[in-house]
C-alpha atoms as a PDB file:
ATOM      1  CA  UNK A   1      43.496  42.563   1.477  1.00  0.00           C
ATOM      2  CA  UNK A   2      41.061  39.965   0.228  1.00  0.00           C
ATOM      3  CA  UNK A   3      40.421  37.403   2.978  1.00  0.00           C
ATOM      4  CA  UNK A   4      40.668  33.801   1.796  1.00  0.00           C
ATOM      5  CA  UNK A   5      39.275  30.712   3.540  1.00  0.00           C
ATOM      6  CA  UNK A   6      40.104  27.220   2.290  1.00  0.00           C
ATOM      7  CA  UNK A   7      37.732  24.266   2.693  1.00  0.00           C
ATOM      8  CA  UNK A   8      39.398  20.907   2.088  1.00  0.00           C
ATOM      9  CA  UNK A   9      37.405  17.781   1.275  1.00  0.00           C
ATOM     10  CA  UNK A  10      39.886  15.487   2.998  1.00  0.00           C
ATOM     11  CA  UNK A  11      39.107  12.076   1.547  1.00  0.00           C
ATOM     12  CA  UNK A  12      38.554  13.386  -1.969  1.00  0.00           C
ATOM     13  CA  UNK A  13      41.987  14.990  -1.935  1.00  0.00           C
ATOM     14  CA  UNK A  14      43.634  12.053  -0.138  1.00  0.00           C
ATOM     15  CA  UNK A  15      42.406   9.460  -2.638  1.00  0.00           C
ATOM     16  CA  UNK A  16      43.514  11.644  -5.518  1.00  0.00           C
ATOM     17  CA  UNK A  17      47.040  11.886  -4.116  1.00  0.00           C
ATOM     18  CA  UNK A  18      47.103   8.161  -3.369  1.00  0.00           C
ATOM     19  CA  UNK A  19      46.213   7.415  -6.990  1.00  0.00           C
ATOM     20  CA  UNK A  20      48.755   9.839  -8.472  1.00  0.00           C
ATOM     21  CA  UNK A  21      51.721   9.512  -6.122  1.00  0.00           C
ATOM     22  CA  UNK A  22      51.264   7.791  -2.735  1.00  0.00           C
ATOM     23  CA  UNK A  23      54.639   9.027  -1.512  1.00  0.00           C
ATOM     24  CA  UNK A  24      53.321  12.608  -1.507  1.00  0.00           C
ATOM     25  CA  UNK A  25      50.465  12.078   0.971  1.00  0.00           C
ATOM     26  CA  UNK A  26      52.378  13.880   3.777  1.00  0.00           C
ATOM     27  CA  UNK A  27      50.957  17.211   2.578  1.00  0.00           C
ATOM     28  CA  UNK A  28      50.937  20.550   4.359  1.00  0.00           C
ATOM     29  CA  UNK A  29      47.373  21.672   3.708  1.00  0.00           C
ATOM     30  CA  UNK A  30      47.998  25.233   4.867  1.00  0.00           C
ATOM     31  CA  UNK A  31      50.876  25.836   2.474  1.00  0.00           C
ATOM     32  CA  UNK A  32      49.004  23.995  -0.287  1.00  0.00           C
ATOM     33  CA  UNK A  33      46.160  26.498   0.082  1.00  0.00           C
ATOM     34  CA  UNK A  34      48.678  29.364   0.080  1.00  0.00           C
ATOM     35  CA  UNK A  35      49.916  28.148  -3.301  1.00  0.00           C
ATOM     36  CA  UNK A  36      46.579  29.215  -4.802  1.00  0.00           C
ATOM     37  CA  UNK A  37      46.418  32.796  -3.516  1.00  0.00           C
ATOM     38  CA  UNK A  38      47.952  36.038  -4.763  1.00  0.00           C
ATOM     39  CA  UNK A  39      50.066  37.235  -1.788  1.00  0.00           C
ATOM     40  CA  UNK A  40      50.122  40.841  -2.982  1.00  0.00           C
ATOM     41  CA  UNK A  41      46.360  41.220  -2.609  1.00  0.00           C
ATOM     42  CA  UNK A  42      45.083  38.113  -0.800  1.00  0.00           C
ATOM     43  CA  UNK A  43      45.558  36.740   2.712  1.00  0.00           C
ATOM     44  CA  UNK A  44      44.804  33.180   3.818  1.00  0.00           C
ATOM     45  CA  UNK A  45      42.878  33.551   7.072  1.00  0.00           C
ATOM     46  CA  UNK A  46      41.497  30.026   7.611  1.00  0.00           C
ATOM     47  CA  UNK A  47      42.024  26.461   6.423  1.00  0.00           C
ATOM     48  CA  UNK A  48      39.310  23.963   7.330  1.00  0.00           C
ATOM     49  CA  UNK A  49      40.063  20.262   6.863  1.00  0.00           C
ATOM     50  CA  UNK A  50      37.066  17.897   6.780  1.00  0.00           C
ATOM     51  CA  UNK A  51      37.783  14.254   7.528  1.00  0.00           C
ATOM     52  CA  UNK A  52      36.840  11.172   9.573  1.00  0.00           C
ATOM     53  CA  UNK A  53      39.014   8.601  11.336  1.00  0.00           C
ATOM     54  CA  UNK A  54      38.441   5.045  10.163  1.00  0.00           C
ATOM     55  CA  UNK A  55      37.247   2.609  12.873  1.00  0.00           C
ATOM     56  CA  UNK A  56      38.313  -0.716  11.301  1.00  0.00           C
ATOM     57  CA  UNK A  57      42.108  -0.439  10.943  1.00  0.00           C
ATOM     58  CA  UNK A  58      44.070   0.667  14.006  1.00  0.00           C
ATOM     59  CA  UNK A  59      47.351   1.176  12.116  1.00  0.00           C
ATOM     60  CA  UNK A  60      45.798   3.390   9.438  1.00  0.00           C
ATOM     61  CA  UNK A  61      43.828   5.278  12.083  1.00  0.00           C
ATOM     62  CA  UNK A  62      47.045   5.950  14.005  1.00  0.00           C
ATOM     63  CA  UNK A  63      48.775   7.343  10.890  1.00  0.00           C
ATOM     64  CA  UNK A  64      45.757   9.495  10.174  1.00  0.00           C
ATOM     65  CA  UNK A  65      45.750  10.899  13.708  1.00  0.00           C
ATOM     66  CA  UNK A  66      49.442  11.826  13.380  1.00  0.00           C
ATOM     67  CA  UNK A  67      48.620  13.537  10.098  1.00  0.00           C
ATOM     68  CA  UNK A  68      45.776  15.472  11.739  1.00  0.00           C
ATOM     69  CA  UNK A  69      48.038  16.625  14.571  1.00  0.00           C
ATOM     70  CA  UNK A  70      50.606  17.767  12.020  1.00  0.00           C
ATOM     71  CA  UNK A  71      47.956  19.832  10.231  1.00  0.00           C
ATOM     72  CA  UNK A  72      46.824  21.414  13.485  1.00  0.00           C
ATOM     73  CA  UNK A  73      50.413  22.417  14.215  1.00  0.00           C
ATOM     74  CA  UNK A  74      50.266  24.629  11.125  1.00  0.00           C
ATOM     75  CA  UNK A  75      46.947  26.198  12.090  1.00  0.00           C
ATOM     76  CA  UNK A  76      44.601  23.974  10.092  1.00  0.00           C
ATOM     77  CA  UNK A  77      41.183  23.579  11.741  1.00  0.00           C
ATOM     78  CA  UNK A  78      39.870  20.015  11.647  1.00  0.00           C
ATOM     79  CA  UNK A  79      36.166  19.201  11.406  1.00  0.00           C
ATOM     80  CA  UNK A  80      35.181  15.560  11.842  1.00  0.00           C
ATOM     81  CA  UNK A  81      32.590  13.458  10.093  1.00  0.00           C
ATOM     82  CA  UNK A  82      32.116   9.774  10.764  1.00  0.00           C
ATOM     83  CA  UNK A  83      31.957   6.345   9.171  1.00  0.00           C
ATOM     84  CA  UNK A  84      28.707   4.392   9.212  1.00  0.00           C
ATOM     85  CA  UNK A  85      28.417   0.618   8.852  1.00  0.00           C
ATOM     86  CA  UNK A  86      26.187  -0.343   5.932  1.00  0.00           C
ATOM     87  CA  UNK A  87      25.087  -3.573   4.252  1.00  0.00           C
ATOM     88  CA  UNK A  88      25.935  -4.242   0.616  1.00  0.00           C
ATOM     89  CA  UNK A  89      25.212  -7.035  -1.820  1.00  0.00           C
ATOM     90  CA  UNK A  90      27.981  -8.740  -3.784  1.00  0.00           C
ATOM     91  CA  UNK A  91      27.352  -8.330  -7.511  1.00  0.00           C
ATOM     92  CA  UNK A  92      28.756 -11.797  -8.235  1.00  0.00           C
ATOM     93  CA  UNK A  93      27.392 -14.053  -5.506  1.00  0.00           C
ATOM     94  CA  UNK A  94      24.583 -11.755  -4.233  1.00  0.00           C
ATOM     95  CA  UNK A  95      25.528 -12.358  -0.606  1.00  0.00           C
ATOM     96  CA  UNK A  96      25.199  -9.538   1.900  1.00  0.00           C
ATOM     97  CA  UNK A  97      28.320  -8.112   3.509  1.00  0.00           C
ATOM     98  CA  UNK A  98      29.171  -5.283   5.881  1.00  0.00           C
ATOM     99  CA  UNK A  99      31.257  -2.270   4.901  1.00  0.00           C
ATOM    100  CA  UNK A 100      31.665   1.381   5.910  1.00  0.00           C
ATOM    101  CA  UNK A 101      30.679   4.647   4.251  1.00  0.00           C
ATOM    102  CA  UNK A 102      32.105   8.017   5.146  1.00  0.00           C
ATOM    103  CA  UNK A 103      29.313  10.381   6.115  1.00  0.00           C
ATOM    104  CA  UNK A 104      28.727  14.089   6.754  1.00  0.00           C
ATOM    105  CA  UNK A 105      31.668  15.650   4.868  1.00  0.00           C
ATOM    106  CA  UNK A 106      29.620  17.407   2.180  1.00  0.00           C
ATOM    107  CA  UNK A 107      27.058  18.538   4.765  1.00  0.00           C
ATOM    108  CA  UNK A 108      29.772  19.706   7.173  1.00  0.00           C
ATOM    109  CA  UNK A 109      31.479  21.706   4.426  1.00  0.00           C
ATOM    110  CA  UNK A 110      28.211  23.319   3.341  1.00  0.00           C
ATOM    111  CA  UNK A 111      27.239  24.216   6.907  1.00  0.00           C
ATOM    112  CA  UNK A 112      30.688  25.617   7.715  1.00  0.00           C
ATOM    113  CA  UNK A 113      30.765  27.722   4.536  1.00  0.00           C
ATOM    114  CA  UNK A 114      27.388  29.208   5.417  1.00  0.00           C
ATOM    115  CA  UNK A 115      28.341  29.816   9.061  1.00  0.00           C
ATOM    116  CA  UNK A 116      31.590  31.564   8.148  1.00  0.00           C
ATOM    117  CA  UNK A 117      29.837  33.606   5.465  1.00  0.00           C
ATOM    118  CA  UNK A 118      27.257  34.698   8.044  1.00  0.00           C
ATOM    119  CA  UNK A 119      30.085  35.717  10.357  1.00  0.00           C
ATOM    120  CA  UNK A 120      31.748  37.544   7.458  1.00  0.00           C
ATOM    121  CA  UNK A 121      35.131  35.931   8.111  1.00  0.00           C
ATOM    122  CA  UNK A 122      36.129  35.684   4.431  1.00  0.00           C
ATOM    123  CA  UNK A 123      35.698  37.374   1.064  1.00  0.00           C
ATOM    124  CA  UNK A 124      36.604  34.387  -1.096  1.00  0.00           C
ATOM    125  CA  UNK A 125      36.793  30.641  -0.606  1.00  0.00           C
ATOM    126  CA  UNK A 126      38.995  27.955  -2.067  1.00  0.00           C
ATOM    127  CA  UNK A 127      37.031  24.713  -2.195  1.00  0.00           C
ATOM    128  CA  UNK A 128      39.404  21.760  -2.575  1.00  0.00           C
ATOM    129  CA  UNK A 129      37.171  19.018  -3.950  1.00  0.00           C
ATOM    130  CA  UNK A 130      36.277  17.055  -7.033  1.00  0.00           C
ATOM    131  CA  UNK A 131      32.938  15.870  -5.673  1.00  0.00           C
ATOM    132  CA  UNK A 132      29.720  17.034  -7.312  1.00  0.00           C
ATOM    133  CA  UNK A 133      27.956  16.538  -3.952  1.00  0.00           C
ATOM    134  CA  UNK A 134      29.420  19.934  -3.051  1.00  0.00           C
ATOM    135  CA  UNK A 135      27.122  21.690  -5.533  1.00  0.00           C
ATOM    136  CA  UNK A 136      24.236  22.032  -3.067  1.00  0.00           C
ATOM    137  CA  UNK A 137      26.472  23.838  -0.576  1.00  0.00           C
ATOM    138  CA  UNK A 138      27.913  26.083  -3.282  1.00  0.00           C
ATOM    139  CA  UNK A 139      24.433  27.055  -4.486  1.00  0.00           C
ATOM    140  CA  UNK A 140      23.333  27.795  -0.921  1.00  0.00           C
ATOM    141  CA  UNK A 141      26.380  29.981  -0.336  1.00  0.00           C
ATOM    142  CA  UNK A 142      25.755  31.898  -3.565  1.00  0.00           C
ATOM    143  CA  UNK A 143      22.159  32.531  -2.478  1.00  0.00           C
ATOM    144  CA  UNK A 144      23.137  33.635   1.029  1.00  0.00           C
ATOM    145  CA  UNK A 145      26.204  35.682   0.104  1.00  0.00           C
ATOM    146  CA  UNK A 146      26.274  36.440  -3.642  1.00  0.00           C
ATOM    147  CA  UNK A 147      29.178  38.837  -3.133  1.00  0.00           C
ATOM    148  CA  UNK A 148      31.464  36.024  -1.883  1.00  0.00           C
ATOM    149  CA  UNK A 149      33.731  34.530  -4.551  1.00  0.00           C
ATOM    150  CA  UNK A 150      33.881  30.732  -4.797  1.00  0.00           C
ATOM    151  CA  UNK A 151      36.901  29.121  -6.453  1.00  0.00           C
ATOM    152  CA  UNK A 152      37.034  25.341  -6.745  1.00  0.00           C
ATOM    153  CA  UNK A 153      40.460  23.689  -6.663  1.00  0.00           C
ATOM    154  CA  UNK A 154      40.250  20.323  -8.409  1.00  0.00           C
ATOM    155  CA  UNK A 155      42.435  17.421  -7.196  1.00  0.00           C
ATOM    156  CA  UNK A 156      44.338  15.453  -9.803  1.00  0.00           C
ATOM    157  CA  UNK A 157      42.410  12.690 -11.597  1.00  0.00           C
ATOM    158  CA  UNK A 158      39.130  14.471 -10.863  1.00  0.00           C
ATOM    159  CA  UNK A 159      36.907  16.176 -13.462  1.00  0.00           C
ATOM    160  CA  UNK A 160      33.973  17.799 -11.650  1.00  0.00           C
ATOM    161  CA  UNK A 161      32.607  19.761 -14.627  1.00  0.00           C
ATOM    162  CA  UNK A 162      29.239  20.398 -12.951  1.00  0.00           C
ATOM    163  CA  UNK A 163      30.907  21.658  -9.764  1.00  0.00           C
ATOM    164  CA  UNK A 164      33.216  23.974 -11.713  1.00  0.00           C
ATOM    165  CA  UNK A 165      30.248  25.358 -13.628  1.00  0.00           C
ATOM    166  CA  UNK A 166      28.581  26.385 -10.370  1.00  0.00           C
ATOM    167  CA  UNK A 167      31.645  28.225  -9.043  1.00  0.00           C
ATOM    168  CA  UNK A 168      32.990  31.638 -10.039  1.00  0.00           C
ATOM    169  CA  UNK A 169      36.441  30.331 -10.947  1.00  0.00           C
ATOM    170  CA  UNK A 170      38.542  27.184 -10.831  1.00  0.00           C
ATOM    171  CA  UNK A 171      42.082  25.818 -10.781  1.00  0.00           C
ATOM    172  CA  UNK A 172      43.692  22.399 -10.780  1.00  0.00           C
ATOM    173  CA  UNK A 173      46.187  20.829  -8.412  1.00  0.00           C
ATOM    174  CA  UNK A 174      49.302  19.781 -10.295  1.00  0.00           C
ATOM    175  CA  UNK A 175      52.106  17.441  -9.344  1.00  0.00           C
ATOM    176  CA  UNK A 176      54.366  20.379  -8.449  1.00  0.00           C
ATOM    177  CA  UNK A 177      51.809  21.549  -5.866  1.00  0.00           C
ATOM    178  CA  UNK A 178      52.112  18.200  -4.112  1.00  0.00           C
ATOM    179  CA  UNK A 179      55.903  18.117  -4.364  1.00  0.00           C
ATOM    180  CA  UNK A 180      56.392  21.687  -3.122  1.00  0.00           C
ATOM    181  CA  UNK A 181      54.066  21.497  -0.124  1.00  0.00           C
ATOM    182  CA  UNK A 182      55.214  18.496   1.879  1.00  0.00           C
ATOM    183  CA  UNK A 183      55.420  18.513   5.672  1.00  0.00           C
ATOM    184  CA  UNK A 184      58.846  18.040   7.292  1.00  0.00           C
ATOM    185  CA  UNK A 185      59.671  14.393   8.011  1.00  0.00           C
ATOM    186  CA  UNK A 186      59.803  15.223  11.730  1.00  0.00           C
ATOM    187  CA  UNK A 187      57.646  17.725  13.582  1.00  0.00           C
ATOM    188  CA  UNK A 188      57.731  18.741  17.252  1.00  0.00           C
ATOM    189  CA  UNK A 189      54.520  19.622  19.056  1.00  0.00           C
ATOM    190  CA  UNK A 190      54.413  22.373  21.716  1.00  0.00           C
ATOM    191  CA  UNK A 191      54.510  19.707  24.464  1.00  0.00           C
ATOM    192  CA  UNK A 192      57.764  18.310  23.047  1.00  0.00           C
ATOM    193  CA  UNK A 193      56.185  15.270  21.397  1.00  0.00           C
ATOM    194  CA  UNK A 194      57.647  14.387  18.016  1.00  0.00           C
ATOM    195  CA  UNK A 195      55.531  13.451  15.003  1.00  0.00           C
ATOM    196  CA  UNK A 196      57.188  11.486  12.214  1.00  0.00           C
ATOM    197  CA  UNK A 197      56.197  10.975   8.619  1.00  0.00           C
ATOM    198  CA  UNK A 198      54.778   7.414   8.440  1.00  0.00           C
ATOM    199  CA  UNK A 199      57.250   4.941   6.991  1.00  0.00           C
ATOM    200  CA  UNK A 200      54.454   3.616   4.772  1.00  0.00           C
ATOM    201  CA  UNK A 201      54.247   7.050   3.106  1.00  0.00           C
ATOM    202  CA  UNK A 202      57.972   7.305   2.397  1.00  0.00           C
END
């Protein structure tokens, strides 16, 4: 069997789903990845989810943490980046203001792909992203392990032509993939704690 590892650019996928259909954000990332493999000859061995918890909105952070725990229940491995406070200038009034930028995701994905390739834990990867910043990691992986197949899975409303051109193959997420791979509205953790789909996502 061909061993498949999925690498999910969390915010890139999340914002795509939010733009297309916000009510479908309660996604099961493991089963979503399974939708892009051939079960007769491929086996999904790992799903890595790269994300960061926002520090400025407690309610959104709480929903995100529930979502992360739901993913972990299905065997998804979560790798955290962080948000960094930065100064920006308003284009209209030219005043400075503070905002946050998500950092480390593209670097974390690149490093993890290279580490797992070095450990020989997969034969093929599914890279869920529409971000051209992933190209550097893809090129590094091709140099290190040219025998590993790289397939990019493009979120809806994303057109990463340059990224697709650097990968061996590609596919696109469609609305049916989102509809068919939703988490149950209620999940029970091993300790008996229940996780509920956020009302704001219903």
